[in-house]
N, C-alpha and C. Protein backbone atom coordinates (compact mmCIF):
# COMPACT_ATOMS: atom_id res chain seq x y z
N MET A 1 -16.55 -19.31 15.32
CA MET A 1 -16.51 -20.60 14.84
C MET A 1 -15.07 -20.63 14.84
N TRP A 2 -14.58 -19.81 13.21
CA TRP A 2 -12.72 -20.46 13.25
C TRP A 2 -12.18 -19.94 14.28
N ARG A 3 -11.87 -19.02 15.04
CA ARG A 3 -11.41 -18.19 16.07
C ARG A 3 -10.96 -19.36 17.17
N ASN A 4 -11.99 -19.89 17.69
CA ASN A 4 -12.25 -21.21 18.47
C ASN A 4 -11.69 -22.43 18.40
N ARG A 5 -11.49 -22.65 17.21
CA ARG A 5 -11.13 -24.65 16.52
C ARG A 5 -9.96 -24.87 16.30
N ARG A 6 -9.26 -25.63 17.39
CA ARG A 6 -7.95 -25.63 17.74
C ARG A 6 -7.71 -26.84 16.08
N LEU A 7 -6.47 -26.26 15.69
CA LEU A 7 -5.94 -27.09 14.20
C LEU A 7 -5.28 -28.30 14.49
N GLU A 8 -5.69 -29.53 14.00
CA GLU A 8 -5.40 -30.94 13.86
C GLU A 8 -4.79 -31.55 13.09
N ALA A 9 -3.97 -31.04 12.32
CA ALA A 9 -2.76 -31.42 11.30
C ALA A 9 -1.55 -31.35 12.62
N LYS A 10 -0.62 -31.97 12.57
CA LYS A 10 0.73 -31.76 12.85
C LYS A 10 1.59 -30.62 12.03
N ALA A 11 1.09 -30.34 11.12
CA ALA A 11 2.44 -29.20 10.60
C ALA A 11 1.43 -29.10 9.20
N TYR A 12 1.37 -28.05 8.58
CA TYR A 12 0.72 -27.27 7.48
C TYR A 12 1.89 -26.63 6.58
N PRO A 13 2.59 -27.31 5.60
CA PRO A 13 3.78 -26.97 4.93
C PRO A 13 3.14 -25.53 4.29
N TYR A 14 1.80 -25.87 3.31
CA TYR A 14 1.30 -25.15 2.69
C TYR A 14 0.37 -24.01 3.20
N LEU A 15 0.53 -22.63 2.87
CA LEU A 15 -0.55 -22.23 3.07
C LEU A 15 -0.96 -21.33 2.09
N PHE A 16 -2.34 -20.93 1.84
CA PHE A 16 -2.93 -20.08 0.88
C PHE A 16 -3.94 -19.06 1.22
N VAL A 17 -3.59 -17.71 0.83
CA VAL A 17 -4.08 -16.69 1.64
C VAL A 17 -4.47 -15.63 0.59
N ASP A 18 -5.71 -15.21 0.53
CA ASP A 18 -6.21 -14.68 -0.91
C ASP A 18 -7.44 -13.75 0.13
N ALA A 19 -7.99 -12.71 -0.40
CA ALA A 19 -9.19 -11.67 0.31
C ALA A 19 -10.15 -11.34 -1.07
N ARG A 20 -11.15 -11.29 -0.73
CA ARG A 20 -12.16 -10.88 -1.77
C ARG A 20 -12.66 -9.78 -0.68
N TYR A 21 -13.82 -8.67 -1.84
CA TYR A 21 -14.26 -7.62 -1.21
C TYR A 21 -16.15 -7.82 -0.93
N GLU A 22 -16.99 -7.64 -0.35
CA GLU A 22 -18.45 -8.20 -0.26
C GLU A 22 -19.54 -6.96 -0.04
N LYS A 23 -20.12 -6.96 -0.77
CA LYS A 23 -20.75 -6.12 0.15
C LYS A 23 -21.66 -6.27 1.20
N VAL A 24 -22.19 -5.83 2.61
CA VAL A 24 -22.68 -5.94 3.47
C VAL A 24 -23.38 -4.95 3.96
N ARG A 25 -24.74 -5.16 4.73
CA ARG A 25 -25.38 -4.18 5.70
C ARG A 25 -24.40 -4.40 6.81
N VAL A 26 -24.40 -2.73 7.15
CA VAL A 26 -24.31 -2.55 8.83
C VAL A 26 -25.00 -1.30 8.61
N ASP A 27 -25.40 -1.53 10.00
CA ASP A 27 -26.29 -0.08 10.42
C ASP A 27 -27.11 0.18 9.80
N GLY A 28 -27.74 -0.11 8.86
CA GLY A 28 -28.70 -0.05 8.20
C GLY A 28 -27.70 0.55 6.68
N ARG A 29 -26.68 0.47 6.61
CA ARG A 29 -25.93 0.58 5.08
C ARG A 29 -25.38 -0.33 4.58
N VAL A 30 -25.54 -0.06 3.02
CA VAL A 30 -24.75 -1.16 2.69
C VAL A 30 -23.06 -0.61 2.36
N VAL A 31 -22.11 -1.82 2.87
CA VAL A 31 -20.54 -1.26 2.66
C VAL A 31 -19.65 -2.50 2.14
N SER A 32 -18.87 -1.89 1.50
CA SER A 32 -17.56 -3.04 1.29
C SER A 32 -16.89 -3.63 2.95
N GLN A 33 -16.75 -4.59 2.75
CA GLN A 33 -15.67 -5.24 3.45
C GLN A 33 -14.84 -6.55 3.13
N GLY A 34 -13.82 -6.62 3.68
CA GLY A 34 -12.57 -7.14 3.26
C GLY A 34 -13.27 -8.63 3.39
N VAL A 35 -13.17 -9.72 3.06
CA VAL A 35 -13.31 -10.91 3.36
C VAL A 35 -11.77 -12.16 3.23
N LEU A 36 -10.87 -12.18 4.09
CA LEU A 36 -9.86 -13.18 4.16
C LEU A 36 -10.51 -13.83 4.67
N ILE A 37 -9.23 -15.09 3.34
CA ILE A 37 -9.44 -16.72 3.64
C ILE A 37 -8.10 -17.35 3.59
N VAL A 38 -7.75 -18.11 4.30
CA VAL A 38 -6.71 -18.81 4.33
C VAL A 38 -6.92 -20.34 4.45
N SER A 39 -6.43 -21.08 3.30
CA SER A 39 -6.56 -22.23 3.52
C SER A 39 -5.36 -22.80 3.56
N ALA A 40 -4.97 -24.11 3.25
CA ALA A 40 -3.62 -24.85 3.78
C ALA A 40 -3.61 -26.29 3.51
N VAL A 41 -2.66 -27.03 3.19
CA VAL A 41 -2.58 -28.39 2.61
C VAL A 41 -1.52 -29.08 3.75
N SER A 42 -2.20 -29.81 4.47
CA SER A 42 -1.38 -30.53 5.62
C SER A 42 -0.87 -31.71 5.64
N GLU A 43 -0.02 -32.25 6.17
CA GLU A 43 1.58 -33.20 5.80
C GLU A 43 1.08 -34.50 5.42
N ASP A 44 0.06 -34.51 5.50
CA ASP A 44 -1.03 -35.87 4.46
C ASP A 44 -1.66 -35.63 3.75
N GLY A 45 -1.35 -34.40 3.15
CA GLY A 45 -2.00 -34.09 1.89
C GLY A 45 -3.45 -33.45 1.65
N MET A 46 -3.82 -33.41 2.84
CA MET A 46 -5.43 -32.95 2.99
C MET A 46 -5.67 -31.55 2.50
N ARG A 47 -6.42 -31.06 2.00
CA ARG A 47 -6.82 -28.85 1.57
C ARG A 47 -7.75 -28.79 3.08
N GLU A 48 -7.44 -28.06 3.31
CA GLU A 48 -8.84 -27.38 4.47
C GLU A 48 -8.55 -26.09 4.62
N ILE A 49 -10.01 -25.46 5.26
CA ILE A 49 -9.86 -24.13 5.14
C ILE A 49 -9.59 -23.64 7.04
N LEU A 50 -8.32 -22.87 6.72
CA LEU A 50 -8.21 -22.38 8.35
C LEU A 50 -8.89 -21.42 8.73
N GLY A 51 -9.07 -20.52 8.13
CA GLY A 51 -10.07 -19.40 8.77
C GLY A 51 -10.60 -18.58 7.33
N VAL A 52 -11.52 -17.85 7.96
CA VAL A 52 -11.82 -16.98 7.41
C VAL A 52 -12.84 -15.36 8.04
N GLU A 53 -11.98 -14.38 7.95
CA GLU A 53 -12.39 -13.19 8.58
C GLU A 53 -12.94 -12.14 7.26
N VAL A 54 -14.17 -11.38 8.28
CA VAL A 54 -14.09 -10.23 8.11
C VAL A 54 -13.73 -9.09 8.43
N ALA A 55 -13.13 -7.99 7.65
CA ALA A 55 -12.31 -6.91 8.12
C ALA A 55 -12.78 -5.81 7.32
N ASP A 56 -12.69 -4.60 7.86
CA ASP A 56 -12.98 -3.38 7.28
C ASP A 56 -11.83 -3.19 6.23
N THR A 57 -10.88 -3.68 6.07
CA THR A 57 -9.86 -3.45 4.85
C THR A 57 -9.23 -4.32 5.06
N GLU A 58 -8.23 -4.80 4.14
CA GLU A 58 -7.40 -5.78 3.48
C GLU A 58 -5.92 -4.96 3.94
N SER A 59 -5.12 -5.03 5.32
CA SER A 59 -3.82 -4.31 5.73
C SER A 59 -3.22 -5.07 6.24
N GLU A 60 -1.83 -4.62 6.91
CA GLU A 60 -1.16 -5.42 7.37
C GLU A 60 -1.47 -5.62 8.95
N ALA A 61 -2.39 -4.93 9.00
CA ALA A 61 -2.59 -5.26 10.55
C ALA A 61 -3.43 -6.08 11.00
N THR A 62 -4.55 -6.03 9.58
CA THR A 62 -5.39 -7.47 9.94
C THR A 62 -5.01 -9.05 9.20
N TYR A 63 -3.98 -8.43 8.96
CA TYR A 63 -3.43 -9.94 8.39
C TYR A 63 -2.24 -10.54 9.40
N HIS A 64 -1.39 -9.40 9.97
CA HIS A 64 -1.15 -9.75 11.81
C HIS A 64 -2.21 -10.39 12.42
N GLU A 65 -2.98 -9.79 12.73
CA GLU A 65 -4.23 -10.71 13.61
C GLU A 65 -4.54 -11.74 12.90
N LEU A 66 -4.82 -11.90 11.84
CA LEU A 66 -5.41 -13.27 11.54
C LEU A 66 -3.69 -14.33 11.49
N PHE A 67 -2.74 -13.75 11.36
CA PHE A 67 -2.52 -15.22 11.86
C PHE A 67 -1.56 -15.23 13.04
N ARG A 68 -1.89 -14.53 14.02
CA ARG A 68 -1.80 -14.96 14.89
C ARG A 68 -2.62 -15.50 15.57
N SER A 69 -3.85 -15.31 15.35
CA SER A 69 -4.77 -16.16 15.58
C SER A 69 -4.74 -17.43 15.28
N LEU A 70 -4.28 -17.49 13.99
CA LEU A 70 -3.89 -19.26 13.40
C LEU A 70 -3.51 -19.81 14.27
N LYS A 71 -1.65 -19.19 14.37
CA LYS A 71 -0.82 -19.79 15.51
C LYS A 71 -1.25 -19.97 16.16
N SER A 72 -2.11 -19.40 17.54
CA SER A 72 -2.41 -19.45 18.64
C SER A 72 -3.49 -20.79 18.33
N ARG A 73 -3.88 -21.15 17.82
CA ARG A 73 -4.77 -22.11 17.27
C ARG A 73 -4.11 -23.74 16.95
N GLY A 74 -3.09 -23.29 16.75
CA GLY A 74 -2.27 -24.48 16.32
C GLY A 74 -0.65 -24.75 15.09
N LEU A 75 -1.42 -23.78 14.46
CA LEU A 75 -0.69 -23.43 12.95
C LEU A 75 0.97 -23.84 13.01
N TRP A 76 1.34 -24.51 12.37
CA TRP A 76 3.21 -24.66 12.74
C TRP A 76 3.51 -25.32 11.05
N GLY A 77 4.42 -25.58 11.19
CA GLY A 77 4.84 -26.32 10.08
C GLY A 77 5.34 -25.50 8.54
N VAL A 78 4.73 -24.55 8.29
CA VAL A 78 4.54 -23.69 7.16
C VAL A 78 6.12 -23.32 6.43
N GLU A 79 5.85 -23.82 5.17
CA GLU A 79 7.29 -23.56 4.35
C GLU A 79 7.12 -23.04 3.17
N LEU A 80 6.12 -22.94 2.84
CA LEU A 80 5.53 -22.16 1.68
C LEU A 80 4.26 -20.97 2.26
N VAL A 81 3.90 -20.11 1.45
CA VAL A 81 2.84 -19.04 1.20
C VAL A 81 2.42 -18.41 0.13
N VAL A 82 1.42 -18.97 -0.13
CA VAL A 82 1.46 -18.48 -1.56
C VAL A 82 -0.40 -17.21 -1.59
N SER A 83 0.48 -16.48 -1.99
CA SER A 83 -0.86 -15.07 -2.19
C SER A 83 -0.46 -14.16 -3.31
N ASP A 84 -1.46 -13.10 -3.30
CA ASP A 84 -0.81 -12.39 -4.12
C ASP A 84 0.13 -11.30 -3.35
N ASP A 85 0.13 -10.07 -4.25
CA ASP A 85 1.63 -9.55 -4.01
C ASP A 85 1.12 -7.99 -2.80
N HIS A 86 0.02 -8.01 -2.10
CA HIS A 86 -1.01 -7.23 -1.45
C HIS A 86 0.56 -6.69 -0.59
N LYS A 87 1.15 -5.19 -0.45
CA LYS A 87 2.59 -5.08 0.36
C LYS A 87 1.91 -5.22 1.92
N GLY A 88 0.68 -4.96 2.45
CA GLY A 88 0.60 -5.44 3.84
C GLY A 88 0.55 -7.25 4.35
N LEU A 89 0.01 -8.12 3.31
CA LEU A 89 0.16 -8.94 3.43
C LEU A 89 1.65 -10.11 3.13
N LYS A 90 2.38 -9.52 2.39
CA LYS A 90 3.18 -9.86 2.26
C LYS A 90 4.45 -9.63 3.40
N ALA A 91 4.78 -8.14 4.25
CA ALA A 91 4.96 -8.00 5.21
C ALA A 91 4.37 -9.24 6.20
N ALA A 92 3.25 -9.04 6.64
CA ALA A 92 2.58 -9.80 7.48
C ALA A 92 3.86 -11.38 7.71
N ILE A 93 3.52 -11.74 5.81
CA ILE A 93 3.79 -13.33 6.07
C ILE A 93 5.42 -13.38 6.67
N THR A 94 6.15 -11.85 5.98
CA THR A 94 7.50 -12.12 6.40
C THR A 94 7.92 -12.19 8.11
N ARG A 95 7.02 -11.27 8.88
CA ARG A 95 6.92 -11.60 10.36
C ARG A 95 6.74 -12.27 10.72
N HIS A 96 5.55 -13.16 10.41
CA HIS A 96 4.67 -14.68 11.11
C HIS A 96 5.49 -15.59 10.87
N PHE A 97 6.00 -16.07 9.51
CA PHE A 97 6.18 -17.25 8.89
C PHE A 97 7.96 -17.00 8.36
N GLN A 98 8.70 -16.35 9.49
CA GLN A 98 10.13 -16.81 9.02
C GLN A 98 10.54 -17.86 8.77
N GLY A 99 11.25 -17.71 7.52
CA GLY A 99 11.88 -19.07 7.45
C GLY A 99 11.34 -19.88 6.00
N ALA A 100 10.16 -19.39 5.70
CA ALA A 100 8.98 -20.00 4.69
C ALA A 100 9.74 -19.39 3.54
N SER A 101 8.99 -19.76 2.35
CA SER A 101 9.19 -19.01 0.86
C SER A 101 7.60 -18.32 0.95
N TRP A 102 7.68 -17.75 -0.02
CA TRP A 102 7.01 -16.94 -0.70
C TRP A 102 6.15 -17.14 -1.94
N GLN A 103 5.30 -17.89 -2.48
CA GLN A 103 4.87 -17.83 -4.00
C GLN A 103 4.20 -16.62 -4.31
N ARG A 104 4.21 -15.98 -5.21
CA ARG A 104 3.52 -15.02 -5.76
C ARG A 104 2.41 -15.87 -6.99
N CYS A 105 1.41 -15.64 -6.65
CA CYS A 105 0.24 -16.57 -6.97
C CYS A 105 0.95 -16.47 -8.49
N GLN A 106 0.49 -17.33 -9.47
CA GLN A 106 0.76 -17.23 -10.88
C GLN A 106 0.12 -16.72 -11.52
N VAL A 107 -1.69 -17.38 -11.17
CA VAL A 107 -2.48 -16.52 -11.72
C VAL A 107 -2.95 -14.91 -11.73
N HIS A 108 -2.59 -14.83 -10.44
CA HIS A 108 -2.64 -13.16 -9.83
C HIS A 108 -1.69 -12.69 -10.85
N TYR A 109 -0.22 -12.87 -10.97
CA TYR A 109 0.41 -12.18 -11.86
C TYR A 109 0.47 -12.07 -13.26
N ALA A 110 -0.27 -13.08 -14.01
CA ALA A 110 -0.76 -13.33 -15.03
C ALA A 110 -1.67 -12.32 -15.24
N ARG A 111 -3.19 -12.00 -14.85
CA ARG A 111 -3.09 -10.89 -14.84
C ARG A 111 -3.24 -9.46 -15.23
N ASN A 112 -2.17 -9.62 -13.71
CA ASN A 112 -1.70 -8.38 -13.94
C ASN A 112 -0.73 -7.88 -14.94
N LEU A 113 0.16 -8.82 -15.60
CA LEU A 113 0.74 -8.60 -16.74
C LEU A 113 0.01 -8.29 -17.60
N LEU A 114 -0.77 -8.85 -17.95
CA LEU A 114 -1.95 -8.71 -19.31
C LEU A 114 -2.60 -7.56 -19.32
N GLY A 115 -2.50 -7.33 -18.08
CA GLY A 115 -3.22 -5.80 -18.19
C GLY A 115 -2.92 -4.85 -18.27
N ILE A 116 -1.00 -4.75 -19.05
CA ILE A 116 0.08 -4.23 -19.20
C ILE A 116 -0.23 -4.17 -20.95
N VAL A 117 -0.81 -4.81 -21.87
CA VAL A 117 -0.58 -5.04 -22.81
C VAL A 117 -2.25 -5.09 -23.59
N SER A 118 -2.16 -4.40 -25.09
CA SER A 118 -3.35 -4.08 -25.25
C SER A 118 -4.08 -5.76 -25.62
N PHE A 119 -5.81 -5.70 -25.86
CA PHE A 119 -6.62 -6.65 -26.01
C PHE A 119 -5.39 -8.07 -26.95
N ALA A 120 -5.01 -7.43 -28.21
CA ALA A 120 -5.04 -8.03 -29.51
C ALA A 120 -3.35 -8.46 -28.66
N LYS A 121 -2.70 -8.20 -27.92
CA LYS A 121 -1.39 -8.89 -27.49
C LYS A 121 -1.68 -9.98 -26.38
N ARG A 122 -2.73 -9.88 -25.99
CA ARG A 122 -2.94 -10.49 -25.09
C ARG A 122 -2.45 -12.50 -24.66
N LYS A 123 -3.67 -12.39 -26.09
CA LYS A 123 -3.16 -14.11 -25.93
C LYS A 123 -1.54 -14.40 -26.86
N GLU A 124 -0.55 -13.82 -27.37
CA GLU A 124 1.01 -14.03 -27.27
C GLU A 124 1.43 -13.89 -26.41
N LEU A 125 1.46 -13.02 -25.41
CA LEU A 125 2.08 -12.57 -23.81
C LEU A 125 1.58 -13.77 -22.86
N GLY A 126 0.32 -14.86 -23.11
CA GLY A 126 -0.42 -15.18 -22.48
C GLY A 126 0.70 -17.03 -22.68
N VAL A 127 0.89 -16.94 -23.75
CA VAL A 127 1.60 -18.16 -24.60
C VAL A 127 2.85 -18.36 -23.80
N ASP A 128 3.42 -16.84 -23.51
CA ASP A 128 4.77 -17.18 -23.10
C ASP A 128 4.74 -17.03 -21.86
N LEU A 129 3.56 -16.57 -21.11
CA LEU A 129 3.66 -17.41 -19.41
C LEU A 129 3.49 -17.97 -19.19
N ARG A 130 2.69 -18.93 -20.50
CA ARG A 130 2.63 -20.42 -20.01
C ARG A 130 4.19 -21.07 -20.13
N GLY A 131 4.62 -20.83 -21.07
CA GLY A 131 5.95 -21.63 -21.06
C GLY A 131 7.18 -21.38 -19.98
N ILE A 132 6.82 -20.30 -19.29
CA ILE A 132 7.72 -19.61 -18.14
C ILE A 132 7.51 -20.76 -17.17
N PHE A 133 6.21 -20.31 -17.14
CA PHE A 133 5.59 -21.39 -15.54
C PHE A 133 5.35 -23.07 -15.86
N ALA A 134 5.18 -23.47 -17.02
CA ALA A 134 5.91 -25.12 -17.61
C ALA A 134 6.95 -25.12 -17.68
N ALA A 135 7.94 -24.94 -16.80
CA ALA A 135 9.79 -25.32 -16.72
C ALA A 135 9.33 -25.95 -15.49
N THR A 136 10.44 -26.76 -16.08
CA THR A 136 10.73 -27.61 -14.99
C THR A 136 11.78 -27.28 -13.35
N SER A 137 12.31 -26.28 -13.80
CA SER A 137 13.28 -25.91 -12.84
C SER A 137 13.34 -24.56 -12.63
N ARG A 138 14.06 -23.84 -11.43
CA ARG A 138 14.19 -22.55 -11.24
C ARG A 138 14.65 -21.76 -12.78
N GLU A 139 16.01 -22.89 -13.14
CA GLU A 139 17.01 -22.00 -13.77
C GLU A 139 16.75 -21.66 -15.34
N GLN A 140 15.55 -23.01 -15.80
CA GLN A 140 14.88 -23.18 -17.28
C GLN A 140 14.02 -21.79 -16.81
N ALA A 141 13.45 -22.03 -16.20
CA ALA A 141 12.07 -20.79 -16.07
C ALA A 141 12.59 -19.19 -16.06
N LEU A 142 13.94 -19.09 -15.79
CA LEU A 142 14.27 -17.95 -15.38
C LEU A 142 15.35 -17.74 -16.74
N GLY A 143 15.36 -18.91 -17.44
CA GLY A 143 16.19 -18.88 -18.92
C GLY A 143 15.38 -18.51 -20.04
N ILE A 144 14.15 -18.51 -19.71
CA ILE A 144 12.95 -18.62 -20.44
C ILE A 144 12.57 -17.15 -20.52
N ALA A 145 12.29 -16.40 -19.07
CA ALA A 145 11.50 -15.65 -18.94
C ALA A 145 12.62 -14.33 -19.33
N SER A 146 13.79 -14.39 -19.42
CA SER A 146 15.33 -13.63 -20.27
C SER A 146 14.77 -13.03 -21.49
N SER A 147 14.15 -14.54 -22.16
CA SER A 147 14.43 -14.33 -23.71
C SER A 147 12.71 -13.72 -23.99
N VAL A 148 12.07 -14.65 -23.03
CA VAL A 148 10.40 -13.32 -23.20
C VAL A 148 10.81 -12.16 -22.97
N ALA A 149 11.69 -11.84 -22.10
CA ALA A 149 11.69 -9.96 -21.80
C ALA A 149 11.99 -9.20 -22.58
N LYS A 150 13.52 -10.02 -23.21
CA LYS A 150 13.87 -9.31 -24.46
C LYS A 150 13.35 -9.20 -25.68
N LYS A 151 12.34 -10.28 -26.45
CA LYS A 151 11.44 -10.12 -27.13
C LYS A 151 10.59 -9.03 -26.85
N TRP A 152 10.14 -9.04 -25.44
CA TRP A 152 8.98 -7.79 -25.65
C TRP A 152 9.36 -6.50 -25.44
N GLY A 153 10.60 -6.30 -25.15
CA GLY A 153 11.14 -5.16 -24.89
C GLY A 153 11.65 -4.75 -26.36
N GLU A 154 12.30 -5.58 -27.25
CA GLU A 154 12.29 -5.59 -28.64
C GLU A 154 11.01 -4.76 -29.38
N LYS A 155 9.90 -5.51 -29.14
CA LYS A 155 8.60 -5.27 -29.47
C LYS A 155 8.40 -3.69 -28.65
N GLY A 156 9.02 -3.25 -28.55
CA GLY A 156 8.67 -1.72 -27.81
C GLY A 156 7.47 -1.80 -26.38
N ASN A 157 7.66 -2.83 -26.06
CA ASN A 157 7.07 -3.48 -24.74
C ASN A 157 7.62 -3.47 -23.97
N GLU A 158 8.36 -2.41 -23.51
CA GLU A 158 9.31 -1.68 -22.10
C GLU A 158 8.68 -2.72 -20.74
N LYS A 159 7.50 -2.03 -20.61
CA LYS A 159 6.76 -1.91 -19.15
C LYS A 159 6.56 -3.76 -19.14
N VAL A 160 6.57 -4.52 -20.33
CA VAL A 160 6.62 -6.19 -19.82
C VAL A 160 7.74 -6.30 -19.75
N ALA A 161 8.65 -6.32 -20.48
CA ALA A 161 9.86 -6.19 -20.16
C ALA A 161 10.42 -6.48 -18.72
N GLU A 162 10.31 -5.22 -18.22
CA GLU A 162 10.81 -4.64 -16.59
C GLU A 162 10.18 -5.44 -16.16
N HIS A 163 9.23 -5.71 -16.20
CA HIS A 163 7.72 -6.40 -15.12
C HIS A 163 8.50 -7.76 -14.60
N LEU A 164 8.70 -8.29 -15.88
CA LEU A 164 9.58 -10.07 -15.88
C LEU A 164 10.19 -10.10 -15.24
N GLU A 165 11.35 -8.67 -15.68
CA GLU A 165 12.70 -8.77 -15.21
C GLU A 165 13.29 -8.66 -13.91
N GLU A 166 11.93 -8.03 -12.99
CA GLU A 166 12.33 -7.46 -11.70
C GLU A 166 11.02 -8.68 -10.96
N HIS A 167 10.33 -8.83 -11.55
CA HIS A 167 9.07 -9.50 -10.48
C HIS A 167 8.47 -11.28 -10.91
N VAL A 168 8.91 -12.17 -11.68
CA VAL A 168 8.90 -12.98 -12.40
C VAL A 168 9.56 -14.08 -11.20
N GLU A 169 10.43 -13.43 -10.73
CA GLU A 169 11.25 -14.78 -10.30
C GLU A 169 10.67 -15.10 -8.66
N GLU A 170 9.71 -14.51 -8.45
CA GLU A 170 8.55 -14.06 -7.43
C GLU A 170 7.70 -15.12 -7.64
N CYS A 171 7.51 -15.81 -9.08
CA CYS A 171 6.59 -16.66 -8.75
C CYS A 171 7.26 -17.88 -9.20
N LEU A 172 8.32 -18.32 -8.77
CA LEU A 172 8.71 -19.26 -8.80
C LEU A 172 9.28 -20.43 -7.62
N SER A 173 8.93 -19.77 -6.56
CA SER A 173 8.91 -20.39 -5.41
C SER A 173 9.21 -22.04 -5.23
N CYS A 174 7.57 -22.38 -5.84
CA CYS A 174 6.89 -23.61 -6.23
C CYS A 174 8.08 -24.97 -6.59
N LEU A 175 8.95 -24.13 -7.67
CA LEU A 175 10.06 -24.89 -8.47
C LEU A 175 10.72 -25.80 -7.15
N ALA A 176 10.87 -24.93 -6.21
CA ALA A 176 11.73 -25.88 -5.06
C ALA A 176 11.27 -26.60 -4.52
N PHE A 177 9.65 -27.38 -4.78
CA PHE A 177 9.06 -28.10 -3.89
C PHE A 177 9.07 -29.80 -4.63
N PRO A 178 9.25 -30.60 -4.14
CA PRO A 178 8.29 -31.68 -5.20
C PRO A 178 7.70 -31.49 -5.76
N GLU A 179 8.31 -32.37 -7.82
CA GLU A 179 7.36 -32.09 -8.92
C GLU A 179 6.05 -32.25 -8.91
N SER A 180 5.87 -32.98 -8.04
CA SER A 180 4.39 -33.88 -7.31
C SER A 180 3.40 -32.88 -6.95
N HIS A 181 3.97 -31.90 -6.55
CA HIS A 181 3.49 -30.75 -5.25
C HIS A 181 2.97 -29.39 -6.04
N ARG A 182 3.61 -29.10 -7.16
CA ARG A 182 3.55 -28.16 -7.73
C ARG A 182 2.53 -27.71 -8.36
N ARG A 183 1.94 -28.53 -8.75
CA ARG A 183 0.23 -27.96 -9.73
C ARG A 183 -0.53 -27.13 -8.94
N ARG A 184 -0.16 -27.85 -7.83
CA ARG A 184 -1.41 -27.18 -6.18
C ARG A 184 -0.63 -26.41 -5.60
N ILE A 185 0.52 -25.83 -5.59
CA ILE A 185 0.90 -24.59 -4.69
C ILE A 185 1.45 -23.24 -5.63
N ARG A 186 1.00 -23.62 -7.02
CA ARG A 186 1.45 -22.30 -7.53
C ARG A 186 0.50 -20.97 -7.91
N THR A 187 -0.45 -21.25 -7.67
CA THR A 187 -1.56 -20.56 -7.24
C THR A 187 -2.51 -20.67 -6.40
N THR A 188 -3.32 -19.20 -5.84
CA THR A 188 -4.47 -19.92 -5.01
C THR A 188 -5.50 -19.95 -5.67
N ASN A 189 -5.95 -21.13 -6.93
CA ASN A 189 -6.64 -20.84 -7.29
C ASN A 189 -7.99 -22.01 -6.66
N GLY A 190 -7.37 -22.93 -6.05
CA GLY A 190 -8.28 -23.39 -4.74
C GLY A 190 -9.39 -22.53 -4.13
N LEU A 191 -8.19 -21.37 -3.71
CA LEU A 191 -9.66 -20.40 -2.87
C LEU A 191 -10.36 -19.98 -3.56
N GLU A 192 -9.62 -19.29 -4.99
CA GLU A 192 -10.79 -19.08 -6.20
C GLU A 192 -11.91 -19.79 -6.27
N ARG A 193 -12.08 -21.18 -6.73
CA ARG A 193 -12.94 -22.24 -6.63
C ARG A 193 -13.77 -22.39 -5.82
N LEU A 194 -13.12 -22.04 -4.59
CA LEU A 194 -14.33 -22.08 -3.61
C LEU A 194 -14.64 -21.24 -3.49
N ARG A 195 -14.74 -20.03 -3.93
CA ARG A 195 -15.20 -18.96 -4.29
C ARG A 195 -16.62 -18.84 -5.02
N ALA A 196 -16.05 -19.51 -5.90
CA ALA A 196 -16.91 -19.56 -7.39
C ALA A 196 -18.21 -20.62 -7.14
N ARG A 197 -17.82 -21.75 -5.81
CA ARG A 197 -19.25 -22.70 -5.85
C ARG A 197 -20.04 -21.98 -5.02
N ARG A 198 -19.72 -20.63 -4.35
CA ARG A 198 -20.54 -20.24 -2.49
C ARG A 198 -22.23 -19.54 -3.08
């Protein structure tokens, strides 16, 4: 169904890509397979699911095939791609959407960073991250991030400080887009909510 349906919008400026793993029965055995999901916001502001593919593995090759298929069905006009930081996915995005920005999902990033600290420190770090992500400009966000990194470094959490210094900027691409759009394009949460309703 997905593979043959021609896309109807003139352009899809915002693209969201995520994957989940499901247990499925294949030849009498239960195995784990990846379900790759792509949604987009069209130029008229409507969100739609563009593709759902089952794959043996989440790899650069599977994403290349998925994006090639979507482009052959009419996907174009992509200005921002939102995803987690899976290396194969990022490589496929770079190849297929040259000129588009990449936004690392802020929710995925926060989960990864919170996993570095003890449970007792997660609330404080969560508040600090929300402060960074609430900034209204890239410069403001980077300034807050620098202060937060310094604070956590001084507290003996060098891993948190290094992670912020090296990776938080990947979460700020949405700040180059209209403020009214940012809440919808900073995460892949729309796909997460879709999966929660299944």
